[in-house]
């Protein structure tokens, strides 16, 4: 399987989540589930096939959970998107200790759920931009494993700093695009 084939699903999921995530929860929730499954399977150096299967299962579980509990959709979406952010932070900060992942990722998911319930749309725009940017950077690292490996598993402080700066910049851009789209939609509905 080529590196493009390995990177493409994650680049596409990340771009849609980063730039359009808050527009559709039916799209954002399974994409975030997919991304969370992928990032966590990546930390154990799973094969592409295993990572893809885990990601699809996580996407399906996220979608089914959201649809079954649609009354709490915002809370669930915030939790799942928070889990993606937590998974990427786990990779940046440690990436080796599964015990830490079992504690940190769910804790950040709970914080994400609570923030989504409290801040609603503002949180969803930021969190989908952050989660999408995390997936895009992981996809870029898969596409160019020799030159962009630090976007997937930073091995030094410099690599971690580059990853965090790139993540923040891409998330900010995704946030700006989503806000611009929201304002444009509001103007077209009022006119």
C-alpha atoms as a PDB file:
ATOM      1  CA  UNK A   1       0.000   0.000   0.000  1.00  0.00           C
ATOM      2  CA  UNK A   2       1.454   3.383  -0.967  1.00  0.00           C
ATOM      3  CA  UNK A   3       1.998   6.248   1.431  1.00  0.00           C
ATOM      4  CA  UNK A   4      -0.653   8.260  -0.430  1.00  0.00           C
ATOM      5  CA  UNK A   5      -3.185   5.477   0.101  1.00  0.00           C
ATOM      6  CA  UNK A   6      -2.228   5.361   3.784  1.00  0.00           C
ATOM      7  CA  UNK A   7      -2.422   9.143   4.258  1.00  0.00           C
ATOM      8  CA  UNK A   8      -5.436  10.070   2.110  1.00  0.00           C
ATOM      9  CA  UNK A   9      -8.295   8.937   4.394  1.00  0.00           C
ATOM     10  CA  UNK A  10      -6.806  10.794   7.335  1.00  0.00           C
ATOM     11  CA  UNK A  11      -6.029  13.917   5.344  1.00  0.00           C
ATOM     12  CA  UNK A  12      -9.593  14.010   4.007  1.00  0.00           C
ATOM     13  CA  UNK A  13     -11.195  13.327   7.397  1.00  0.00           C
ATOM     14  CA  UNK A  14      -8.966  15.941   9.009  1.00  0.00           C
ATOM     15  CA  UNK A  15      -9.640  18.606   6.382  1.00  0.00           C
ATOM     16  CA  UNK A  16     -13.414  18.121   6.545  1.00  0.00           C
ATOM     17  CA  UNK A  17     -13.378  18.138  10.341  1.00  0.00           C
ATOM     18  CA  UNK A  18     -11.019  21.132  10.543  1.00  0.00           C
ATOM     19  CA  UNK A  19     -12.804  23.363   8.047  1.00  0.00           C
ATOM     20  CA  UNK A  20     -16.440  22.167   8.113  1.00  0.00           C
ATOM     21  CA  UNK A  21     -16.747  20.287  11.408  1.00  0.00           C
ATOM     22  CA  UNK A  22     -19.211  22.478  13.287  1.00  0.00           C
ATOM     23  CA  UNK A  23     -21.621  22.607  10.322  1.00  0.00           C
ATOM     24  CA  UNK A  24     -22.852  19.013  10.671  1.00  0.00           C
ATOM     25  CA  UNK A  25     -22.765  16.874  13.777  1.00  0.00           C
ATOM     26  CA  UNK A  26     -23.782  13.816  11.715  1.00  0.00           C
ATOM     27  CA  UNK A  27     -20.525  14.280   9.830  1.00  0.00           C
ATOM     28  CA  UNK A  28     -18.288  15.567  12.637  1.00  0.00           C
ATOM     29  CA  UNK A  29     -19.042  12.819  15.180  1.00  0.00           C
ATOM     30  CA  UNK A  30     -18.038   9.801  13.034  1.00  0.00           C
ATOM     31  CA  UNK A  31     -15.053  11.693  11.606  1.00  0.00           C
ATOM     32  CA  UNK A  32     -13.889  12.508  15.129  1.00  0.00           C
ATOM     33  CA  UNK A  33     -14.439   8.866  16.152  1.00  0.00           C
ATOM     34  CA  UNK A  34     -12.434   7.762  13.107  1.00  0.00           C
ATOM     35  CA  UNK A  35      -9.637  10.175  14.006  1.00  0.00           C
ATOM     36  CA  UNK A  36      -9.534   9.112  17.637  1.00  0.00           C
ATOM     37  CA  UNK A  37      -9.344   5.438  16.645  1.00  0.00           C
ATOM     38  CA  UNK A  38      -6.592   6.184  14.153  1.00  0.00           C
ATOM     39  CA  UNK A  39      -4.460   8.273  16.498  1.00  0.00           C
ATOM     40  CA  UNK A  40      -4.692   5.704  19.284  1.00  0.00           C
ATOM     41  CA  UNK A  41      -3.941   2.749  16.972  1.00  0.00           C
ATOM     42  CA  UNK A  42      -0.980   4.713  15.606  1.00  0.00           C
ATOM     43  CA  UNK A  43       0.646   4.873  19.038  1.00  0.00           C
ATOM     44  CA  UNK A  44       0.910   1.068  19.128  1.00  0.00           C
ATOM     45  CA  UNK A  45       2.452   0.948  15.635  1.00  0.00           C
ATOM     46  CA  UNK A  46      -0.533  -1.004  14.316  1.00  0.00           C
ATOM     47  CA  UNK A  47      -0.523  -1.933  10.648  1.00  0.00           C
ATOM     48  CA  UNK A  48      -2.438   0.250   8.217  1.00  0.00           C
ATOM     49  CA  UNK A  49      -5.190  -2.365   7.925  1.00  0.00           C
ATOM     50  CA  UNK A  50      -5.548  -2.709  11.694  1.00  0.00           C
ATOM     51  CA  UNK A  51      -5.531   1.068  12.147  1.00  0.00           C
ATOM     52  CA  UNK A  52      -8.166   1.468   9.462  1.00  0.00           C
ATOM     53  CA  UNK A  53     -10.393  -1.230  11.002  1.00  0.00           C
ATOM     54  CA  UNK A  54     -10.023   0.278  14.486  1.00  0.00           C
ATOM     55  CA  UNK A  55     -10.801   3.720  13.027  1.00  0.00           C
ATOM     56  CA  UNK A  56     -13.901   2.496  11.201  1.00  0.00           C
ATOM     57  CA  UNK A  57     -15.121   0.729  14.337  1.00  0.00           C
ATOM     58  CA  UNK A  58     -14.561   3.893  16.383  1.00  0.00           C
ATOM     59  CA  UNK A  59     -16.405   5.970  13.747  1.00  0.00           C
ATOM     60  CA  UNK A  60     -19.337   3.552  13.750  1.00  0.00           C
ATOM     61  CA  UNK A  61     -19.429   3.425  17.557  1.00  0.00           C
ATOM     62  CA  UNK A  62     -19.336   7.221  17.765  1.00  0.00           C
ATOM     63  CA  UNK A  63     -22.094   7.581  15.173  1.00  0.00           C
ATOM     64  CA  UNK A  64     -24.333   4.957  16.776  1.00  0.00           C
ATOM     65  CA  UNK A  65     -23.784   6.398  20.230  1.00  0.00           C
ATOM     66  CA  UNK A  66     -24.604   9.887  18.990  1.00  0.00           C
ATOM     67  CA  UNK A  67     -27.737   8.767  17.138  1.00  0.00           C
ATOM     68  CA  UNK A  68     -29.012   6.642  20.019  1.00  0.00           C
ATOM     69  CA  UNK A  69     -28.417   9.440  22.449  1.00  0.00           C
ATOM     70  CA  UNK A  70     -29.197  12.365  20.153  1.00  0.00           C
ATOM     71  CA  UNK A  71     -30.688  14.322  23.019  1.00  0.00           C
ATOM     72  CA  UNK A  72     -27.175  14.567  24.399  1.00  0.00           C
ATOM     73  CA  UNK A  73     -25.502  14.981  20.991  1.00  0.00           C
ATOM     74  CA  UNK A  74     -23.612  18.140  21.858  1.00  0.00           C
ATOM     75  CA  UNK A  75     -22.232  16.566  25.013  1.00  0.00           C
ATOM     76  CA  UNK A  76     -21.231  13.401  23.121  1.00  0.00           C
ATOM     77  CA  UNK A  77     -19.723  15.332  20.216  1.00  0.00           C
ATOM     78  CA  UNK A  78     -17.675  17.409  22.628  1.00  0.00           C
ATOM     79  CA  UNK A  79     -16.467  14.260  24.351  1.00  0.00           C
ATOM     80  CA  UNK A  80     -15.462  12.508  21.137  1.00  0.00           C
ATOM     81  CA  UNK A  81     -13.736  15.565  19.696  1.00  0.00           C
ATOM     82  CA  UNK A  82     -12.073  16.059  23.090  1.00  0.00           C
ATOM     83  CA  UNK A  83     -10.806  12.474  22.839  1.00  0.00           C
ATOM     84  CA  UNK A  84      -9.168  13.257  19.462  1.00  0.00           C
ATOM     85  CA  UNK A  85      -7.462  16.284  20.989  1.00  0.00           C
ATOM     86  CA  UNK A  86      -6.451  14.186  23.998  1.00  0.00           C
ATOM     87  CA  UNK A  87      -5.033  11.452  21.766  1.00  0.00           C
ATOM     88  CA  UNK A  88      -2.893  13.963  19.865  1.00  0.00           C
ATOM     89  CA  UNK A  89      -1.711  15.567  23.111  1.00  0.00           C
ATOM     90  CA  UNK A  90      -0.830  12.081  24.371  1.00  0.00           C
ATOM     91  CA  UNK A  91       1.319  11.540  21.284  1.00  0.00           C
ATOM     92  CA  UNK A  92       3.007  14.951  21.680  1.00  0.00           C
ATOM     93  CA  UNK A  93       3.674  14.665  25.411  1.00  0.00           C
ATOM     94  CA  UNK A  94       4.514  10.998  25.909  1.00  0.00           C
ATOM     95  CA  UNK A  95       3.180   8.463  23.431  1.00  0.00           C
ATOM     96  CA  UNK A  96       4.689   5.438  25.163  1.00  0.00           C
ATOM     97  CA  UNK A  97       2.694   4.877  28.338  1.00  0.00           C
ATOM     98  CA  UNK A  98      -0.666   3.202  27.709  1.00  0.00           C
ATOM     99  CA  UNK A  99      -1.508   3.745  31.388  1.00  0.00           C
ATOM    100  CA  UNK A 100      -1.232   7.481  30.805  1.00  0.00           C
ATOM    101  CA  UNK A 101      -3.391   7.215  27.673  1.00  0.00           C
ATOM    102  CA  UNK A 102      -6.110   5.347  29.572  1.00  0.00           C
ATOM    103  CA  UNK A 103      -6.246   8.203  32.091  1.00  0.00           C
ATOM    104  CA  UNK A 104      -5.460  11.293  29.993  1.00  0.00           C
ATOM    105  CA  UNK A 105      -7.591  10.714  26.877  1.00  0.00           C
ATOM    106  CA  UNK A 106     -10.870  10.072  28.768  1.00  0.00           C
ATOM    107  CA  UNK A 107     -10.178  13.019  31.097  1.00  0.00           C
ATOM    108  CA  UNK A 108      -9.707  15.374  28.155  1.00  0.00           C
ATOM    109  CA  UNK A 109     -12.811  13.843  26.532  1.00  0.00           C
ATOM    110  CA  UNK A 110     -14.857  14.659  29.660  1.00  0.00           C
ATOM    111  CA  UNK A 111     -13.497  18.210  29.683  1.00  0.00           C
ATOM    112  CA  UNK A 112     -14.434  18.465  25.994  1.00  0.00           C
ATOM    113  CA  UNK A 113     -17.951  17.223  26.699  1.00  0.00           C
ATOM    114  CA  UNK A 114     -18.455  19.702  29.530  1.00  0.00           C
ATOM    115  CA  UNK A 115     -17.077  22.597  27.473  1.00  0.00           C
ATOM    116  CA  UNK A 116     -19.337  21.657  24.554  1.00  0.00           C
ATOM    117  CA  UNK A 117     -22.369  21.631  26.823  1.00  0.00           C
ATOM    118  CA  UNK A 118     -21.390  24.992  28.315  1.00  0.00           C
ATOM    119  CA  UNK A 119     -20.105  26.859  25.221  1.00  0.00           C
ATOM    120  CA  UNK A 120     -22.103  25.080  22.487  1.00  0.00           C
ATOM    121  CA  UNK A 121     -21.193  26.356  19.027  1.00  0.00           C
ATOM    122  CA  UNK A 122     -18.084  28.335  20.035  1.00  0.00           C
ATOM    123  CA  UNK A 123     -16.535  25.199  21.508  1.00  0.00           C
ATOM    124  CA  UNK A 124     -17.549  23.016  18.563  1.00  0.00           C
ATOM    125  CA  UNK A 125     -15.921  25.370  16.060  1.00  0.00           C
ATOM    126  CA  UNK A 126     -12.653  25.411  18.027  1.00  0.00           C
ATOM    127  CA  UNK A 127     -12.647  21.730  18.934  1.00  0.00           C
ATOM    128  CA  UNK A 128     -13.436  20.471  15.421  1.00  0.00           C
ATOM    129  CA  UNK A 129     -10.720  22.775  14.066  1.00  0.00           C
ATOM    130  CA  UNK A 130      -8.213  21.367  16.597  1.00  0.00           C
ATOM    131  CA  UNK A 131      -9.242  17.753  16.017  1.00  0.00           C
ATOM    132  CA  UNK A 132      -9.202  18.145  12.230  1.00  0.00           C
ATOM    133  CA  UNK A 133      -5.799  19.815  12.328  1.00  0.00           C
ATOM    134  CA  UNK A 134      -4.466  16.900  14.408  1.00  0.00           C
ATOM    135  CA  UNK A 135      -5.652  14.430  11.769  1.00  0.00           C
ATOM    136  CA  UNK A 136      -4.275  16.505   8.877  1.00  0.00           C
ATOM    137  CA  UNK A 137      -0.834  16.663  10.509  1.00  0.00           C
ATOM    138  CA  UNK A 138      -0.854  12.907  11.109  1.00  0.00           C
ATOM    139  CA  UNK A 139      -1.843  12.399   7.460  1.00  0.00           C
ATOM    140  CA  UNK A 140       0.997  14.656   6.286  1.00  0.00           C
ATOM    141  CA  UNK A 141       3.416  12.669   8.439  1.00  0.00           C
ATOM    142  CA  UNK A 142       2.212   9.450   6.768  1.00  0.00           C
ATOM    143  CA  UNK A 143       2.475  11.020   3.312  1.00  0.00           C
ATOM    144  CA  UNK A 144       6.098  12.138   3.852  1.00  0.00           C
ATOM    145  CA  UNK A 145       7.406   9.841   6.600  1.00  0.00           C
ATOM    146  CA  UNK A 146      11.065  10.802   6.141  1.00  0.00           C
ATOM    147  CA  UNK A 147      10.744  14.569   6.270  1.00  0.00           C
ATOM    148  CA  UNK A 148       7.576  15.039   8.365  1.00  0.00           C
ATOM    149  CA  UNK A 149       7.881  12.219  10.916  1.00  0.00           C
ATOM    150  CA  UNK A 150       7.934  14.760  13.765  1.00  0.00           C
ATOM    151  CA  UNK A 151       4.274  15.577  12.974  1.00  0.00           C
ATOM    152  CA  UNK A 152       3.359  12.020  13.961  1.00  0.00           C
ATOM    153  CA  UNK A 153       5.805  11.071  16.722  1.00  0.00           C
ATOM    154  CA  UNK A 154       8.096  13.944  17.723  1.00  0.00           C
ATOM    155  CA  UNK A 155      11.326  12.464  19.035  1.00  0.00           C
ATOM    156  CA  UNK A 156      12.906  15.673  20.289  1.00  0.00           C
ATOM    157  CA  UNK A 157      11.762  18.914  21.854  1.00  0.00           C
ATOM    158  CA  UNK A 158      12.245  20.788  18.575  1.00  0.00           C
ATOM    159  CA  UNK A 159       9.961  18.318  16.787  1.00  0.00           C
ATOM    160  CA  UNK A 160       7.311  18.703  19.502  1.00  0.00           C
ATOM    161  CA  UNK A 161       7.493  22.498  19.225  1.00  0.00           C
ATOM    162  CA  UNK A 162       7.153  22.324  15.432  1.00  0.00           C
ATOM    163  CA  UNK A 163       4.177  19.990  15.829  1.00  0.00           C
ATOM    164  CA  UNK A 164       2.427  22.246  18.360  1.00  0.00           C
ATOM    165  CA  UNK A 165       3.017  25.402  16.284  1.00  0.00           C
ATOM    166  CA  UNK A 166       1.792  23.714  13.082  1.00  0.00           C
ATOM    167  CA  UNK A 167      -1.208  22.279  14.944  1.00  0.00           C
ATOM    168  CA  UNK A 168      -2.132  25.670  16.417  1.00  0.00           C
ATOM    169  CA  UNK A 169      -1.720  27.468  13.077  1.00  0.00           C
ATOM    170  CA  UNK A 170      -3.804  24.958  11.130  1.00  0.00           C
ATOM    171  CA  UNK A 171      -6.477  24.904  13.856  1.00  0.00           C
ATOM    172  CA  UNK A 172      -6.626  28.705  13.858  1.00  0.00           C
ATOM    173  CA  UNK A 173      -7.082  28.680  10.070  1.00  0.00           C
ATOM    174  CA  UNK A 174      -9.827  26.037  10.335  1.00  0.00           C
ATOM    175  CA  UNK A 175     -11.542  28.103  13.042  1.00  0.00           C
ATOM    176  CA  UNK A 176     -11.399  31.223  10.865  1.00  0.00           C
ATOM    177  CA  UNK A 177     -12.832  29.349   7.852  1.00  0.00           C
ATOM    178  CA  UNK A 178     -15.666  27.898   9.939  1.00  0.00           C
ATOM    179  CA  UNK A 179     -16.527  31.313  11.427  1.00  0.00           C
ATOM    180  CA  UNK A 180     -16.464  32.949   7.995  1.00  0.00           C
ATOM    181  CA  UNK A 181     -18.793  30.236   6.646  1.00  0.00           C
ATOM    182  CA  UNK A 182     -21.154  30.693   9.621  1.00  0.00           C
ATOM    183  CA  UNK A 183     -21.362  34.443   9.093  1.00  0.00           C
ATOM    184  CA  UNK A 184     -21.925  34.022   5.357  1.00  0.00           C
ATOM    185  CA  UNK A 185     -24.731  31.516   6.010  1.00  0.00           C
ATOM    186  CA  UNK A 186     -26.359  33.871   8.536  1.00  0.00           C
ATOM    187  CA  UNK A 187     -26.283  36.736   6.023  1.00  0.00           C
ATOM    188  CA  UNK A 188     -27.766  34.599   3.222  1.00  0.00           C
ATOM    189  CA  UNK A 189     -30.591  33.386   5.514  1.00  0.00           C
ATOM    190  CA  UNK A 190     -31.470  36.912   6.604  1.00  0.00           C
ATOM    191  CA  UNK A 191     -31.446  38.364   3.106  1.00  0.00           C
END
